[in-house]
Amino acid sequence: LLAIDDAIGQVLYMAFIKHETTQSYIDAVGAIIAAGYGIRGIIIDGRQELFTAFKDYPVQMCQFHMLQIVKRYLTQNPKMIAARELQLICRGMICQAKEDFEKDYATWKTRWKEFLNKRTTHKNGKTYYLHRRVRTLVNSIDFYLPYLFTYQLPECVGMPNTNNKIEGTFTDLKKNLNNHSGLTREHRQQFIIAYFQNRQNGQNWQKMQPDNP
């Protein structure tokens, strides 16, 4: 679990965890504050519980991860016109103002309301929404919408709209680890620690110890 300062790429916190939990993130933020840092905002990749856990901070939903959710439900090349239109609207969020995106999205929902509410009857007699994947995506967008454009708020000037910097860090780390594929778990953790220490010029920060193998 890694947290970095997006402005300069400085590692603020790292821990080896067995399972990703909301408490893990709460502990990370607590440790960062205890170390004397001020948190101006947090970029999150989609774990919904975190938006409640960090409600006292400006929270930005990573737009890249939002587009990955769109891709997961609509595929890369959706066949239905409604899905293609929604995909196009979502792809535009990266360079749009919040008001413009919300207007386009609301117009789409109104136009395709009947499509979204269309139901079909199965052999067991129960009825289901016909376009469940599109409806599920719409529910996701509705949930994340209040957080998709936090970076555009006046008090959040300089905040990124994605967590690409930390994702790029992971990509580089994985490349280095792949060059040492024979490492044991303990040695892999030591390698990871050394990797980030080298990036930080030997700087020490909390929870930088391997767990028990």
C-alpha atoms as a PDB file:
ATOM      1  CA  LEU A   1       0.000   0.000   0.000  1.00  0.00           C
ATOM      2  CA  LEU A   2       1.648   3.202  -1.189  1.00  0.00           C
ATOM      3  CA  ALA A   3       0.880   6.898  -0.816  1.00  0.00           C
ATOM      4  CA  ILE A   4       2.863   9.606  -2.585  1.00  0.00           C
ATOM      5  CA  ASP A   5       2.816  13.372  -2.880  1.00  0.00           C
ATOM      6  CA  ASP A   6       1.681  13.932  -6.463  1.00  0.00           C
ATOM      7  CA  ALA A   7       3.452  17.283  -6.779  1.00  0.00           C
ATOM      8  CA  ILE A   8       6.993  15.944  -6.347  1.00  0.00           C
ATOM      9  CA  GLY A   9       6.519  12.178  -6.249  1.00  0.00           C
ATOM     10  CA  GLN A  10       7.730  11.857  -2.674  1.00  0.00           C
ATOM     11  CA  VAL A  11       6.706   8.660  -0.917  1.00  0.00           C
ATOM     12  CA  LEU A  12       4.698   9.515   2.187  1.00  0.00           C
ATOM     13  CA  TYR A  13       3.736   6.043   3.366  1.00  0.00           C
ATOM     14  CA  MET A  14       4.204   2.388   2.481  1.00  0.00           C
ATOM     15  CA  ALA A  15       3.045  -0.814   4.130  1.00  0.00           C
ATOM     16  CA  PHE A  16       2.876  -4.472   3.198  1.00  0.00           C
ATOM     17  CA  ILE A  17      -0.676  -5.699   3.717  1.00  0.00           C
ATOM     18  CA  LYS A  18      -2.284  -9.108   3.238  1.00  0.00           C
ATOM     19  CA  HIS A  19      -5.701  -7.752   2.296  1.00  0.00           C
ATOM     20  CA  GLU A  20      -6.851  -4.385   1.016  1.00  0.00           C
ATOM     21  CA  THR A  21      -9.241  -2.894   3.575  1.00  0.00           C
ATOM     22  CA  THR A  22     -10.686   0.536   4.233  1.00  0.00           C
ATOM     23  CA  GLN A  23      -8.894   0.569   7.590  1.00  0.00           C
ATOM     24  CA  SER A  24      -5.568   0.144   5.776  1.00  0.00           C
ATOM     25  CA  TYR A  25      -6.162   3.447   3.996  1.00  0.00           C
ATOM     26  CA  ILE A  26      -7.364   5.156   7.168  1.00  0.00           C
ATOM     27  CA  ASP A  27      -4.165   4.027   8.921  1.00  0.00           C
ATOM     28  CA  ALA A  28      -2.094   5.376   6.029  1.00  0.00           C
ATOM     29  CA  VAL A  29      -3.707   8.812   6.164  1.00  0.00           C
ATOM     30  CA  GLY A  30      -3.351   8.874   9.946  1.00  0.00           C
ATOM     31  CA  ALA A  31       0.357   8.053   9.683  1.00  0.00           C
ATOM     32  CA  ILE A  32       0.904  10.774   7.084  1.00  0.00           C
ATOM     33  CA  ILE A  33      -0.777  13.366   9.299  1.00  0.00           C
ATOM     34  CA  ALA A  34       1.169  12.156  12.348  1.00  0.00           C
ATOM     35  CA  ALA A  35       4.378  12.652  10.347  1.00  0.00           C
ATOM     36  CA  GLY A  36       3.535  16.359  10.086  1.00  0.00           C
ATOM     37  CA  TYR A  37       2.102  16.584   6.579  1.00  0.00           C
ATOM     38  CA  GLY A  38      -1.011  18.507   5.623  1.00  0.00           C
ATOM     39  CA  ILE A  39      -3.420  16.813   3.222  1.00  0.00           C
ATOM     40  CA  ARG A  40      -4.998  19.135   0.657  1.00  0.00           C
ATOM     41  CA  GLY A  41      -6.856  16.371  -1.155  1.00  0.00           C
ATOM     42  CA  ILE A  42      -6.897  12.654  -1.946  1.00  0.00           C
ATOM     43  CA  ILE A  43      -7.155  10.911  -5.325  1.00  0.00           C
ATOM     44  CA  ILE A  44      -8.931   7.545  -5.100  1.00  0.00           C
ATOM     45  CA  ASP A  45      -9.143   4.795  -7.707  1.00  0.00           C
ATOM     46  CA  GLY A  46     -12.698   3.709  -6.941  1.00  0.00           C
ATOM     47  CA  ARG A  47     -13.047   1.865  -3.614  1.00  0.00           C
ATOM     48  CA  GLN A  48     -16.428   3.255  -2.621  1.00  0.00           C
ATOM     49  CA  GLU A  49     -16.037   2.988   1.157  1.00  0.00           C
ATOM     50  CA  LEU A  50     -13.144   5.450   1.022  1.00  0.00           C
ATOM     51  CA  PHE A  51     -15.336   8.305  -0.146  1.00  0.00           C
ATOM     52  CA  THR A  52     -17.164   8.109   3.170  1.00  0.00           C
ATOM     53  CA  ALA A  53     -14.031   7.434   5.199  1.00  0.00           C
ATOM     54  CA  PHE A  54     -12.352  10.574   3.809  1.00  0.00           C
ATOM     55  CA  LYS A  55     -15.403  12.820   3.629  1.00  0.00           C
ATOM     56  CA  ASP A  56     -13.524  15.531   5.543  1.00  0.00           C
ATOM     57  CA  TYR A  57     -11.065  15.920   2.649  1.00  0.00           C
ATOM     58  CA  PRO A  58     -11.517  16.971  -0.968  1.00  0.00           C
ATOM     59  CA  VAL A  59     -11.635  13.624  -2.784  1.00  0.00           C
ATOM     60  CA  GLN A  60     -11.070  13.153  -6.507  1.00  0.00           C
ATOM     61  CA  MET A  61     -12.177   9.982  -8.262  1.00  0.00           C
ATOM     62  CA  CYS A  62      -9.402   9.045 -10.668  1.00  0.00           C
ATOM     63  CA  GLN A  63     -10.849   9.727 -14.115  1.00  0.00           C
ATOM     64  CA  PHE A  64      -8.608   7.096 -15.696  1.00  0.00           C
ATOM     65  CA  HIS A  65     -10.079   4.427 -13.407  1.00  0.00           C
ATOM     66  CA  MET A  66     -13.558   5.764 -14.172  1.00  0.00           C
ATOM     67  CA  LEU A  67     -12.880   5.191 -17.858  1.00  0.00           C
ATOM     68  CA  GLN A  68     -11.665   1.678 -17.031  1.00  0.00           C
ATOM     69  CA  ILE A  69     -15.034   1.028 -15.372  1.00  0.00           C
ATOM     70  CA  VAL A  70     -16.758   2.329 -18.498  1.00  0.00           C
ATOM     71  CA  LYS A  71     -14.672  -0.006 -20.650  1.00  0.00           C
ATOM     72  CA  ARG A  72     -15.422  -2.974 -18.392  1.00  0.00           C
ATOM     73  CA  TYR A  73     -19.184  -2.585 -18.737  1.00  0.00           C
ATOM     74  CA  LEU A  74     -19.468  -1.324 -22.325  1.00  0.00           C
ATOM     75  CA  THR A  75     -16.439  -3.109 -23.846  1.00  0.00           C
ATOM     76  CA  GLN A  76     -14.067  -1.316 -26.192  1.00  0.00           C
ATOM     77  CA  ASN A  77     -16.541  -1.290 -29.083  1.00  0.00           C
ATOM     78  CA  PRO A  78     -20.154  -1.383 -27.844  1.00  0.00           C
ATOM     79  CA  LYS A  79     -22.785  -2.316 -30.426  1.00  0.00           C
ATOM     80  CA  MET A  80     -25.814  -0.476 -29.067  1.00  0.00           C
ATOM     81  CA  ILE A  81     -26.232   3.189 -30.020  1.00  0.00           C
ATOM     82  CA  ALA A  82     -27.064   4.165 -26.438  1.00  0.00           C
ATOM     83  CA  ALA A  83     -23.892   2.516 -25.164  1.00  0.00           C
ATOM     84  CA  ARG A  84     -21.747   4.120 -27.860  1.00  0.00           C
ATOM     85  CA  GLU A  85     -23.139   7.555 -27.018  1.00  0.00           C
ATOM     86  CA  LEU A  86     -22.495   7.038 -23.302  1.00  0.00           C
ATOM     87  CA  GLN A  87     -18.956   5.861 -24.039  1.00  0.00           C
ATOM     88  CA  LEU A  88     -18.291   9.003 -26.085  1.00  0.00           C
ATOM     89  CA  ILE A  89     -19.650  11.241 -23.325  1.00  0.00           C
ATOM     90  CA  CYS A  90     -17.472   9.545 -20.707  1.00  0.00           C
ATOM     91  CA  ARG A  91     -14.346   9.755 -22.832  1.00  0.00           C
ATOM     92  CA  GLY A  92     -14.855  13.510 -22.992  1.00  0.00           C
ATOM     93  CA  MET A  93     -14.700  13.994 -19.214  1.00  0.00           C
ATOM     94  CA  ILE A  94     -10.897  14.287 -19.226  1.00  0.00           C
ATOM     95  CA  CYS A  95     -10.995  17.648 -20.982  1.00  0.00           C
ATOM     96  CA  GLN A  96     -14.440  18.910 -19.964  1.00  0.00           C
ATOM     97  CA  ALA A  97     -15.710  21.288 -17.337  1.00  0.00           C
ATOM     98  CA  LYS A  98     -17.931  19.681 -14.709  1.00  0.00           C
ATOM     99  CA  GLU A  99     -21.020  21.583 -15.853  1.00  0.00           C
ATOM    100  CA  ASP A 100     -20.625  20.489 -19.477  1.00  0.00           C
ATOM    101  CA  PHE A 101     -20.181  16.833 -18.599  1.00  0.00           C
ATOM    102  CA  GLU A 102     -23.147  16.835 -16.218  1.00  0.00           C
ATOM    103  CA  LYS A 103     -25.322  18.467 -18.886  1.00  0.00           C
ATOM    104  CA  ASP A 104     -24.337  15.913 -21.550  1.00  0.00           C
ATOM    105  CA  TYR A 105     -24.800  13.017 -19.154  1.00  0.00           C
ATOM    106  CA  ALA A 106     -28.210  14.243 -17.934  1.00  0.00           C
ATOM    107  CA  THR A 107     -29.366  14.715 -21.532  1.00  0.00           C
ATOM    108  CA  TRP A 108     -28.280  11.164 -22.369  1.00  0.00           C
ATOM    109  CA  LYS A 109     -30.144   9.711 -19.368  1.00  0.00           C
ATOM    110  CA  THR A 110     -33.318  11.540 -20.357  1.00  0.00           C
ATOM    111  CA  ARG A 111     -33.076  10.429 -23.982  1.00  0.00           C
ATOM    112  CA  TRP A 112     -32.462   6.790 -23.098  1.00  0.00           C
ATOM    113  CA  LYS A 113     -34.717   6.526 -20.030  1.00  0.00           C
ATOM    114  CA  GLU A 114     -37.037   4.000 -21.684  1.00  0.00           C
ATOM    115  CA  PHE A 115     -34.023   1.980 -22.865  1.00  0.00           C
ATOM    116  CA  LEU A 116     -32.618   1.846 -19.322  1.00  0.00           C
ATOM    117  CA  ASN A 117     -35.952   0.817 -17.801  1.00  0.00           C
ATOM    118  CA  LYS A 118     -36.798  -1.859 -20.381  1.00  0.00           C
ATOM    119  CA  ARG A 119     -37.383  -5.243 -18.771  1.00  0.00           C
ATOM    120  CA  THR A 120     -37.559  -8.797 -20.025  1.00  0.00           C
ATOM    121  CA  THR A 121     -39.274 -11.890 -18.602  1.00  0.00           C
ATOM    122  CA  HIS A 122     -37.250 -15.063 -18.054  1.00  0.00           C
ATOM    123  CA  LYS A 123     -38.564 -18.623 -18.162  1.00  0.00           C
ATOM    124  CA  ASN A 124     -38.895 -18.626 -14.373  1.00  0.00           C
ATOM    125  CA  GLY A 125     -41.468 -15.856 -14.653  1.00  0.00           C
ATOM    126  CA  LYS A 126     -39.269 -13.173 -13.091  1.00  0.00           C
ATOM    127  CA  THR A 127     -38.580  -9.941 -14.898  1.00  0.00           C
ATOM    128  CA  TYR A 128     -35.132  -8.414 -15.252  1.00  0.00           C
ATOM    129  CA  TYR A 129     -33.722  -5.275 -16.731  1.00  0.00           C
ATOM    130  CA  LEU A 130     -32.783  -6.028 -20.319  1.00  0.00           C
ATOM    131  CA  HIS A 131     -29.681  -3.829 -20.438  1.00  0.00           C
ATOM    132  CA  ARG A 132     -28.244  -4.634 -17.036  1.00  0.00           C
ATOM    133  CA  ARG A 133     -24.610  -3.838 -17.846  1.00  0.00           C
ATOM    134  CA  VAL A 134     -25.459  -0.336 -19.036  1.00  0.00           C
ATOM    135  CA  ARG A 135     -27.677   0.212 -15.995  1.00  0.00           C
ATOM    136  CA  THR A 136     -24.876  -0.947 -13.687  1.00  0.00           C
ATOM    137  CA  LEU A 137     -22.500   1.512 -15.334  1.00  0.00           C
ATOM    138  CA  VAL A 138     -25.046   4.314 -14.952  1.00  0.00           C
ATOM    139  CA  ASN A 139     -25.306   3.512 -11.243  1.00  0.00           C
ATOM    140  CA  SER A 140     -21.512   3.691 -10.969  1.00  0.00           C
ATOM    141  CA  ILE A 141     -21.365   7.033 -12.764  1.00  0.00           C
ATOM    142  CA  ASP A 142     -24.129   8.378 -10.524  1.00  0.00           C
ATOM    143  CA  PHE A 143     -22.127   7.366  -7.451  1.00  0.00           C
ATOM    144  CA  TYR A 144     -18.807   8.801  -8.621  1.00  0.00           C
ATOM    145  CA  LEU A 145     -20.160  11.926 -10.315  1.00  0.00           C
ATOM    146  CA  PRO A 146     -19.843  14.179  -7.222  1.00  0.00           C
ATOM    147  CA  TYR A 147     -16.129  13.284  -7.100  1.00  0.00           C
ATOM    148  CA  LEU A 148     -15.153  13.279 -10.770  1.00  0.00           C
ATOM    149  CA  PHE A 149     -14.397  16.998 -10.967  1.00  0.00           C
ATOM    150  CA  THR A 150     -13.163  17.868  -7.485  1.00  0.00           C
ATOM    151  CA  TYR A 151      -9.880  19.003  -9.038  1.00  0.00           C
ATOM    152  CA  GLN A 152     -11.751  21.869 -10.725  1.00  0.00           C
ATOM    153  CA  LEU A 153     -12.825  23.445  -7.420  1.00  0.00           C
ATOM    154  CA  PRO A 154     -11.102  26.776  -6.644  1.00  0.00           C
ATOM    155  CA  GLU A 155      -9.664  25.374  -3.403  1.00  0.00           C
ATOM    156  CA  CYS A 156      -8.186  22.380  -5.264  1.00  0.00           C
ATOM    157  CA  VAL A 157      -6.066  24.193  -7.842  1.00  0.00           C
ATOM    158  CA  GLY A 158      -3.124  21.969  -8.777  1.00  0.00           C
ATOM    159  CA  MET A 159      -4.892  18.741  -7.850  1.00  0.00           C
ATOM    160  CA  PRO A 160      -4.549  16.063 -10.565  1.00  0.00           C
ATOM    161  CA  ASN A 161      -7.609  14.354 -12.015  1.00  0.00           C
ATOM    162  CA  THR A 162      -5.906  10.934 -12.093  1.00  0.00           C
ATOM    163  CA  ASN A 163      -3.471   8.974  -9.950  1.00  0.00           C
ATOM    164  CA  ASN A 164      -1.283   8.276 -12.979  1.00  0.00           C
ATOM    165  CA  LYS A 165       1.875   9.274 -11.136  1.00  0.00           C
ATOM    166  CA  ILE A 166       1.537   6.473  -8.615  1.00  0.00           C
ATOM    167  CA  GLU A 167       0.415   4.026 -11.328  1.00  0.00           C
ATOM    168  CA  GLY A 168       3.542   4.896 -13.301  1.00  0.00           C
ATOM    169  CA  THR A 169       5.610   4.207 -10.205  1.00  0.00           C
ATOM    170  CA  PHE A 170       4.046   0.747  -9.886  1.00  0.00           C
ATOM    171  CA  THR A 171       4.681   0.034 -13.568  1.00  0.00           C
ATOM    172  CA  ASP A 172       8.372   0.810 -13.187  1.00  0.00           C
ATOM    173  CA  LEU A 173       8.581  -1.237  -9.986  1.00  0.00           C
ATOM    174  CA  LYS A 174       6.982  -4.263 -11.684  1.00  0.00           C
ATOM    175  CA  LYS A 175       9.474  -4.049 -14.544  1.00  0.00           C
ATOM    176  CA  ASN A 176      12.333  -4.124 -12.049  1.00  0.00           C
ATOM    177  CA  LEU A 177      10.792  -7.010 -10.123  1.00  0.00           C
ATOM    178  CA  ASN A 178      10.298  -9.006 -13.314  1.00  0.00           C
ATOM    179  CA  ASN A 179      14.035  -8.831 -13.858  1.00  0.00           C
ATOM    180  CA  HIS A 180      14.458 -10.631 -10.518  1.00  0.00           C
ATOM    181  CA  SER A 181      11.673 -13.188 -10.754  1.00  0.00           C
ATOM    182  CA  GLY A 182      13.446 -15.754  -8.570  1.00  0.00           C
ATOM    183  CA  LEU A 183      13.300 -13.710  -5.368  1.00  0.00           C
ATOM    184  CA  THR A 184      11.617 -15.159  -2.295  1.00  0.00           C
ATOM    185  CA  ARG A 185       8.719 -13.250  -0.782  1.00  0.00           C
ATOM    186  CA  GLU A 186      10.929 -11.761   1.939  1.00  0.00           C
ATOM    187  CA  HIS A 187      13.587 -10.744  -0.584  1.00  0.00           C
ATOM    188  CA  ARG A 188      10.942  -9.245  -2.848  1.00  0.00           C
ATOM    189  CA  GLN A 189       9.781  -7.051   0.011  1.00  0.00           C
ATOM    190  CA  GLN A 190      13.351  -6.024   0.752  1.00  0.00           C
ATOM    191  CA  PHE A 191      13.818  -5.241  -2.934  1.00  0.00           C
ATOM    192  CA  ILE A 192      10.694  -3.054  -2.907  1.00  0.00           C
ATOM    193  CA  ILE A 193      11.926  -1.173   0.148  1.00  0.00           C
ATOM    194  CA  ALA A 194      15.318  -0.605  -1.466  1.00  0.00           C
ATOM    195  CA  TYR A 195      13.656   0.502  -4.697  1.00  0.00           C
ATOM    196  CA  PHE A 196      11.719   3.278  -2.996  1.00  0.00           C
ATOM    197  CA  GLN A 197      14.593   4.229  -0.713  1.00  0.00           C
ATOM    198  CA  ASN A 198      16.740   4.743  -3.792  1.00  0.00           C
ATOM    199  CA  ARG A 199      14.022   6.920  -5.325  1.00  0.00           C
ATOM    200  CA  GLN A 200      13.873   8.918  -2.112  1.00  0.00           C
ATOM    201  CA  ASN A 201      17.649   9.317  -1.749  1.00  0.00           C
ATOM    202  CA  GLY A 202      17.740   7.150   1.349  1.00  0.00           C
ATOM    203  CA  GLN A 203      14.902   8.989   3.079  1.00  0.00           C
ATOM    204  CA  ASN A 204      13.192   7.037   5.896  1.00  0.00           C
ATOM    205  CA  TRP A 205       9.462   6.906   6.422  1.00  0.00           C
ATOM    206  CA  GLN A 206       7.031   4.913   8.547  1.00  0.00           C
ATOM    207  CA  LYS A 207       6.149   1.231   8.157  1.00  0.00           C
ATOM    208  CA  MET A 208       9.024   0.428   5.834  1.00  0.00           C
ATOM    209  CA  GLN A 209       9.667  -3.057   7.188  1.00  0.00           C
ATOM    210  CA  PRO A 210       8.913  -6.410   5.546  1.00  0.00           C
ATOM    211  CA  ASP A 211       6.162  -8.472   7.142  1.00  0.00           C
ATOM    212  CA  ASN A 212       6.769 -12.030   8.274  1.00  0.00           C
ATOM    213  CA  PRO A 213       6.902 -14.453   5.339  1.00  0.00           C
END
